[in-house]
Protein backbone atom coordinates (compact mmCIF):
# COMPACT_ATOMS: atom_id res chain seq x y z
CA MET A 1 -1.39 18.30 -25.11
CA LYS A 2 -3.62 21.15 -26.29
CA ASP A 3 -6.48 18.81 -27.21
CA ILE A 4 -6.20 17.19 -23.76
CA LEU A 5 -6.29 20.56 -22.03
CA SER A 6 -9.25 21.61 -24.14
CA ALA A 7 -11.16 18.45 -23.19
CA LEU A 8 -10.47 18.96 -19.50
CA LEU A 9 -11.43 22.64 -19.64
CA ASN A 10 -14.75 21.52 -21.16
CA GLU A 11 -15.20 19.21 -18.14
CA LEU A 12 -14.73 16.02 -20.14
CA THR A 13 -12.99 12.94 -18.75
CA LEU A 14 -10.11 11.35 -20.61
CA SER A 15 -10.23 7.86 -22.05
CA ARG A 16 -7.81 5.23 -20.84
CA LYS A 17 -5.91 5.54 -24.14
CA GLN A 18 -5.66 9.33 -23.82
CA MET A 19 -4.38 9.01 -20.25
CA VAL A 20 -1.75 6.50 -21.35
CA GLU A 21 -0.54 8.97 -23.99
CA VAL A 22 -0.46 11.83 -21.46
CA PHE A 23 1.45 9.82 -18.85
CA GLU A 24 3.92 8.47 -21.39
CA GLN A 25 4.90 12.07 -22.06
CA ILE A 26 4.94 12.97 -18.36
CA MET A 27 7.02 9.96 -17.34
CA THR A 28 9.56 10.40 -20.12
CA GLY A 29 10.02 14.12 -19.55
CA THR A 30 8.81 15.13 -23.03
CA ALA A 31 5.75 17.08 -21.85
CA GLU A 32 5.80 20.80 -21.18
CA PRO A 33 5.82 21.32 -17.38
CA ALA A 34 3.17 24.07 -17.57
CA ALA A 35 0.82 21.79 -19.49
CA VAL A 36 1.42 18.91 -17.08
CA GLY A 37 0.67 21.14 -14.09
CA ALA A 38 -2.55 22.33 -15.67
CA ILE A 39 -3.66 18.79 -16.54
CA LEU A 40 -2.94 17.48 -13.04
CA ALA A 41 -4.78 20.41 -11.43
CA LEU A 42 -7.83 20.10 -13.69
CA ILE A 43 -8.14 16.36 -13.06
CA GLN A 44 -7.72 16.91 -9.33
CA GLN A 45 -10.42 19.59 -9.28
CA ARG A 46 -13.16 17.21 -10.43
CA GLY A 47 -11.62 13.92 -9.29
CA ALA A 48 -9.95 11.33 -11.49
CA SER A 49 -12.14 8.79 -13.27
CA VAL A 50 -11.59 5.03 -13.18
CA ASP A 51 -10.27 5.06 -16.75
CA GLU A 52 -7.93 7.96 -16.02
CA ILE A 53 -6.44 6.25 -12.98
CA THR A 54 -6.19 2.95 -14.88
CA GLY A 55 -4.33 4.61 -17.76
CA ALA A 56 -1.92 6.45 -15.48
CA ALA A 57 -1.21 3.34 -13.41
CA THR A 58 -0.62 1.29 -16.56
CA VAL A 59 2.17 3.65 -17.61
CA MET A 60 3.69 3.81 -14.12
CA ARG A 61 3.74 0.01 -13.96
CA SER A 62 5.58 -0.14 -17.27
CA LYS A 63 8.31 2.18 -15.94
CA VAL A 64 8.88 0.50 -12.57
CA THR A 65 12.14 -1.19 -11.61
CA LYS A 66 10.86 -4.69 -10.95
CA VAL A 67 11.48 -7.11 -8.08
CA THR A 68 11.72 -10.80 -8.94
CA VAL A 69 9.51 -13.08 -6.85
CA PRO A 70 11.04 -16.54 -6.34
CA ASN A 71 9.33 -19.35 -8.24
CA GLY A 72 6.45 -20.95 -6.38
CA LEU A 73 5.76 -17.96 -4.15
CA THR A 74 2.75 -15.62 -4.26
CA ALA A 75 3.39 -11.96 -3.41
CA ILE A 76 0.91 -9.62 -1.75
CA ASP A 77 1.08 -5.95 -0.69
CA THR A 78 -0.44 -3.88 2.12
CA CYS A 79 0.47 -0.42 0.81
CA GLY A 80 -2.07 2.36 1.34
CA THR A 81 -2.40 5.89 0.03
CA GLY A 82 -1.74 7.58 3.37
CA GLY A 83 -3.10 11.09 3.58
CA ASP A 84 -5.47 10.36 6.46
CA HIS A 85 -3.63 12.69 8.91
CA ALA A 86 -4.60 10.37 11.77
CA GLY A 87 -1.11 10.16 13.30
CA THR A 88 -1.30 6.46 14.14
CA PHE A 89 1.65 4.09 14.31
CA ASN A 90 2.45 2.29 11.05
CA ILE A 91 -0.42 -0.18 11.03
CA SER A 92 -0.08 -1.48 7.47
CA THR A 93 3.67 -1.97 7.89
CA ALA A 94 3.15 -3.95 11.09
CA ALA A 95 0.40 -5.93 9.33
CA ALA A 96 2.83 -6.74 6.52
CA ILE A 97 5.35 -8.16 9.01
CA VAL A 98 2.71 -10.28 10.74
CA ALA A 99 1.26 -11.50 7.43
CA ALA A 100 4.77 -12.52 6.35
CA GLY A 101 5.21 -14.49 9.56
CA ALA A 102 1.96 -16.33 8.93
CA GLY A 103 2.31 -16.70 5.20
CA ARG A 104 5.84 -17.85 4.34
CA GLU A 105 5.31 -21.50 5.31
CA ASN A 106 2.31 -21.43 2.96
CA ASP A 107 4.32 -19.90 0.08
CA LEU A 108 2.77 -16.49 0.61
CA VAL A 109 5.16 -13.52 0.87
CA VAL A 110 4.77 -9.78 1.30
CA ALA A 111 6.40 -7.29 -1.06
CA LYS A 112 5.67 -4.19 1.00
CA HIS A 113 5.73 -1.07 -1.13
CA GLY A 114 6.19 2.29 0.58
CA ASN A 115 7.90 5.64 0.81
CA ARG A 116 8.74 8.43 3.18
CA SER A 117 5.69 10.05 4.69
CA VAL A 118 4.41 13.47 3.76
CA THR A 119 1.32 13.64 5.99
CA SER A 120 2.10 11.42 9.00
CA LYS A 121 4.71 11.38 11.76
CA SER A 122 6.22 8.19 10.37
CA GLY A 123 6.12 6.66 6.90
CA SER A 124 6.74 2.97 6.27
CA SER A 125 10.34 3.60 5.24
CA GLN A 126 11.07 5.69 8.33
CA VAL A 127 9.73 3.12 10.78
CA LEU A 128 11.46 0.19 9.07
CA GLU A 129 14.72 2.11 9.01
CA THR A 130 14.28 2.83 12.72
CA LEU A 131 13.70 -0.88 13.32
CA GLY A 132 17.01 -1.64 11.59
CA VAL A 133 16.03 -2.42 7.99
CA LYS A 134 18.39 -1.12 5.30
CA LEU A 135 16.28 0.56 2.62
CA MET A 136 18.56 0.92 -0.40
CA VAL A 137 19.51 -2.63 -1.36
CA SER A 138 19.95 -4.57 -4.59
CA GLY A 139 17.20 -6.38 -6.45
CA GLU A 140 18.89 -9.67 -5.65
CA THR A 141 18.72 -8.85 -1.94
CA LEU A 142 15.01 -8.07 -2.19
CA THR A 143 14.38 -11.42 -3.86
CA ASN A 144 16.41 -13.13 -1.14
CA CYS A 145 14.35 -11.31 1.50
CA LEU A 146 11.17 -12.69 -0.02
CA ASP A 147 12.61 -16.18 -0.10
CA LYS A 148 14.14 -16.26 3.40
CA ALA A 149 12.12 -13.73 5.43
CA GLY A 150 8.86 -13.90 3.50
CA LEU A 151 9.02 -10.11 3.37
CA CYS A 152 10.80 -7.35 1.50
CA PHE A 153 10.47 -3.59 1.43
CA CYS A 154 10.23 -1.98 -1.98
CA PHE A 155 11.38 1.58 -1.28
CA ALA A 156 9.50 3.72 -3.80
CA GLN A 157 12.43 6.03 -4.44
CA ALA A 158 14.48 3.07 -5.73
CA HIS A 159 11.78 1.64 -7.99
CA HIS A 160 10.24 4.60 -9.79
CA PRO A 161 13.07 6.40 -11.61
CA ALA A 162 10.65 7.95 -14.11
CA MET A 163 9.06 9.90 -11.26
CA LYS A 164 12.01 12.32 -11.47
CA HIS A 165 10.21 13.99 -14.39
CA ALA A 166 7.02 14.58 -12.39
CA ALA A 167 8.53 15.41 -9.00
CA PRO A 168 9.40 19.09 -9.68
CA ILE A 169 5.93 19.74 -11.12
CA ARG A 170 4.21 18.13 -8.14
CA ALA A 171 6.36 20.14 -5.77
CA ALA A 172 5.59 23.37 -7.61
CA LEU A 173 1.85 22.68 -7.55
CA GLY A 174 1.87 21.95 -3.83
CA ILE A 175 -1.51 20.20 -3.94
CA PRO A 176 -2.58 16.53 -3.93
CA THR A 177 -2.82 15.06 -7.44
CA ILE A 178 -3.60 11.73 -9.07
CA PHE A 179 -0.04 10.69 -8.18
CA ASN A 180 -1.13 10.43 -4.52
CA ILE A 181 -3.15 7.32 -5.32
CA LEU A 182 -0.90 5.77 -7.97
CA GLY A 183 1.86 4.47 -5.69
CA PRO A 184 -0.12 1.60 -4.14
CA LEU A 185 -1.28 0.60 -7.64
CA THR A 186 2.26 0.06 -8.91
CA ASN A 187 3.84 -2.66 -6.77
CA PRO A 188 7.36 -3.42 -8.08
CA ALA A 189 6.92 -7.16 -7.47
CA GLY A 190 3.80 -7.17 -9.63
CA ALA A 191 1.57 -8.27 -6.75
CA THR A 192 -1.92 -9.08 -7.99
CA ARG A 193 -3.25 -9.56 -4.47
CA GLN A 194 -3.32 -6.65 -2.04
CA VAL A 195 -5.01 -4.76 0.75
CA MET A 196 -5.04 -1.08 -0.16
CA GLY A 197 -6.16 1.58 2.27
CA VAL A 198 -7.50 4.84 0.82
CA PHE A 199 -7.92 8.24 2.45
CA SER A 200 -11.57 8.70 1.44
CA HIS A 201 -14.71 6.63 1.82
CA ASP A 202 -15.66 7.61 -1.74
CA LEU A 203 -12.55 6.02 -3.23
CA THR A 204 -13.01 2.38 -2.23
CA GLU A 205 -15.23 1.32 -5.12
CA PRO A 206 -13.52 3.34 -7.89
CA ILE A 207 -10.08 2.06 -6.85
CA ALA A 208 -11.38 -1.51 -6.69
CA LYS A 209 -12.62 -1.07 -10.27
CA VAL A 210 -9.17 0.23 -11.25
CA LEU A 211 -7.55 -2.84 -9.69
CA ALA A 212 -9.98 -5.06 -11.59
CA ASN A 213 -8.97 -3.28 -14.81
CA LEU A 214 -5.31 -3.86 -13.94
CA GLY A 215 -5.81 -7.60 -13.49
CA ALA A 216 -5.99 -8.00 -9.71
CA GLU A 217 -6.74 -11.56 -8.62
CA HIS A 218 -8.03 -10.63 -5.18
CA ALA A 219 -7.86 -7.23 -3.51
CA MET A 220 -9.56 -5.29 -0.75
CA VAL A 221 -9.75 -1.49 -0.86
CA VAL A 222 -10.56 -0.20 2.61
CA HIS A 223 -11.43 2.97 4.51
CA GLY A 224 -12.46 3.22 8.15
CA LYS A 225 -13.80 6.46 9.61
CA GLY A 226 -11.03 8.67 8.23
CA LEU A 227 -8.24 6.06 8.23
CA ASP A 228 -6.76 4.17 5.30
CA GLU A 229 -6.95 0.95 7.33
CA LEU A 230 -9.47 -1.53 8.64
CA ILE A 231 -10.40 -0.09 12.03
CA THR A 232 -11.45 -1.61 15.35
CA TRP A 233 -13.78 1.10 16.72
CA GLY A 234 -16.46 1.05 14.04
CA LYS A 235 -17.30 -0.27 10.62
CA THR A 236 -14.81 -0.27 7.75
CA ARG A 237 -16.03 0.20 4.21
CA VAL A 238 -14.50 -2.48 1.95
CA SER A 239 -14.68 -2.79 -1.82
CA SER A 240 -13.26 -6.15 -2.80
CA VAL A 241 -12.33 -7.33 -6.26
CA GLU A 242 -12.13 -11.00 -7.08
CA ASN A 243 -12.26 -12.60 -10.52
CA GLY A 244 -12.94 -9.20 -12.03
CA GLU A 245 -16.04 -8.55 -9.93
CA VAL A 246 -16.31 -5.70 -7.40
CA ARG A 247 -18.38 -6.06 -4.24
CA THR A 248 -18.78 -3.39 -1.54
CA TYR A 249 -19.67 -4.14 2.07
CA ASP A 250 -18.88 -3.14 5.67
CA VAL A 251 -16.67 -5.01 8.13
CA ASN A 252 -17.75 -4.86 11.78
CA PRO A 253 -14.87 -5.67 14.20
CA ALA A 254 -17.36 -6.67 16.90
CA GLU A 255 -18.00 -9.84 14.89
CA PHE A 256 -14.45 -10.96 15.72
CA GLY A 257 -14.76 -10.18 19.43
CA ILE A 258 -12.47 -7.16 19.13
CA LYS A 259 -12.91 -4.58 21.85
CA PRO A 260 -13.35 -1.06 20.46
CA CYS A 261 -10.68 1.52 21.16
CA ARG A 262 -10.09 5.18 20.31
CA VAL A 263 -7.85 6.39 17.54
CA GLU A 264 -5.95 8.26 20.26
CA ASP A 265 -4.88 4.89 21.67
CA LEU A 266 -2.92 4.26 18.47
CA GLN A 267 -1.32 7.64 17.86
CA VAL A 268 2.42 8.27 17.99
CA ASP A 269 4.59 11.35 17.60
CA SER A 270 7.65 9.90 15.86
CA SER A 271 9.15 7.00 13.94
CA ALA A 272 10.85 5.86 17.13
CA ALA A 273 7.52 5.71 18.95
CA SER A 274 5.94 3.81 16.06
CA ALA A 275 8.81 1.33 16.02
CA ALA A 276 8.44 0.83 19.77
CA VAL A 277 4.75 -0.04 19.36
CA ILE A 278 5.56 -2.55 16.63
CA GLU A 279 8.29 -4.18 18.72
CA LYS A 280 5.87 -4.55 21.64
CA ILE A 281 3.25 -6.15 19.39
CA LEU A 282 5.78 -8.63 17.99
CA GLY A 283 6.94 -9.30 21.53
CA GLY A 284 3.46 -10.46 22.50
CA ASP A 285 1.87 -7.39 24.07
CA LYS A 286 -1.91 -7.51 23.86
CA GLY A 287 -4.22 -4.55 23.42
CA PRO A 288 -5.65 -2.19 20.80
CA ALA A 289 -2.47 -1.98 18.71
CA ARG A 290 -2.21 -5.76 18.36
CA ASP A 291 -5.93 -6.02 17.57
CA ILE A 292 -5.85 -3.58 14.66
CA VAL A 293 -2.65 -5.09 13.25
CA CYS A 294 -4.11 -8.60 13.34
CA LEU A 295 -7.30 -7.40 11.67
CA ASN A 296 -5.35 -5.83 8.81
CA ALA A 297 -2.91 -8.75 8.57
CA GLY A 298 -5.92 -11.06 8.51
CA ALA A 299 -7.24 -9.19 5.48
CA ALA A 300 -3.85 -9.64 3.79
CA LEU A 301 -3.97 -13.39 4.46
CA LEU A 302 -7.50 -13.50 3.06
CA VAL A 303 -6.56 -11.86 -0.24
CA GLY A 304 -3.42 -14.00 -0.27
CA GLY A 305 -5.58 -17.10 -0.38
CA ILE A 306 -4.47 -18.85 2.81
CA ALA A 307 -7.43 -17.72 4.95
CA LYS A 308 -10.95 -18.69 3.94
CA ASP A 309 -12.43 -15.60 5.58
CA LEU A 310 -11.42 -12.57 7.66
CA ALA A 311 -12.05 -14.34 10.98
CA THR A 312 -9.64 -17.11 9.99
CA GLY A 313 -7.08 -14.55 8.85
CA TYR A 314 -7.36 -12.71 12.16
CA ALA A 315 -6.70 -15.95 14.05
CA LEU A 316 -3.74 -16.83 11.82
CA ALA A 317 -2.24 -13.40 12.44
CA GLN A 318 -2.54 -13.82 16.19
CA HIS A 319 -0.89 -17.24 15.94
CA ALA A 320 2.02 -15.80 13.95
CA ILE A 321 2.69 -13.33 16.76
CA ASP A 322 2.25 -15.82 19.58
CA THR A 323 4.60 -18.38 17.99
CA GLY A 324 7.29 -15.78 17.28
CA LYS A 325 7.05 -16.23 13.50
CA ALA A 326 6.15 -12.59 12.93
CA LYS A 327 9.16 -11.36 14.91
CA ALA A 328 11.38 -13.87 13.11
CA ALA A 329 10.28 -12.43 9.75
CA LEU A 330 11.35 -8.94 10.80
CA ASP A 331 14.60 -10.19 12.30
CA GLN A 332 15.49 -11.97 9.06
CA LEU A 333 14.58 -8.93 6.99
CA ILE A 334 16.92 -6.79 9.10
CA ALA A 335 19.77 -9.31 8.91
CA ILE A 336 19.53 -9.84 5.14
CA THR A 337 19.28 -6.16 4.25
CA GLN A 338 22.10 -5.17 6.59
CA ALA A 339 24.34 -7.74 4.91
CA ASP A 340 23.78 -6.08 1.52
CA MET A 341 26.86 -4.21 0.36
CA SER A 342 25.08 -1.90 -2.12
């Protein structure tokens, strides 16, 4: 580790190979905690490079407890980094439910990856638990959820056992580190298609390049005016990766006839409040919350390959709500997980 520390102190970036070696030691508990803390802090100070993130994510992927996707189905994810401090309801989680409702009949399923929140009022696990989803279930149950509901929730705590070696060091540091962006890059179902929100405008293109390095088939990395989501009150910066190529552009919601709202219209103060918003959306309520969910679900359907463009995806998402298919996906997810005896 001394050569790594020396390189970082001299303001050099690590190669992908070096980062793999570092993270192998971190994730197996063989590295000295003091050295790990110093390495994480030094990388955070200047910002992680594409190769550094790629190397770290490669190791994390190799340590994950995997979820089996049924034959013939394509899995996608809508997991974001969080960290935007916007206090909105769980938009990407709601988008995952709606995308599942639209996608299952087309052999597209959502393996939603998520955890408990650190920076928001309600993380994906908290809101799903409030809605009635059992979080700690067997791998067989998760596979059954994908098959029957078109949706499963991969609770990060159950799928990343190697994180136990890094957790005390992260807690002791008390600052954001490269780990804050690694979660969405390590989907347990091995999803190669995803919409990933990031907490900074500057991260969309680097993270898209990382996803290209990791073999993504089609992904969109998004950031909208401080949120790790596609937004409806201004332009969203998108860096998409498809066939190994990265393209960056802006999405304007006005092109889809979406009325602009304020972020305050989407804010909640608890998991219960977030769950209530999601239930109203699935029940057919129209308004800003539905609009932003359909926009993000539409992006998921685009990367999933069943929508030719974002406008089509947006329309398919609306249809899934209006026909009750989105609500049915959540209802089945709740029923299947609650029946698990783990």
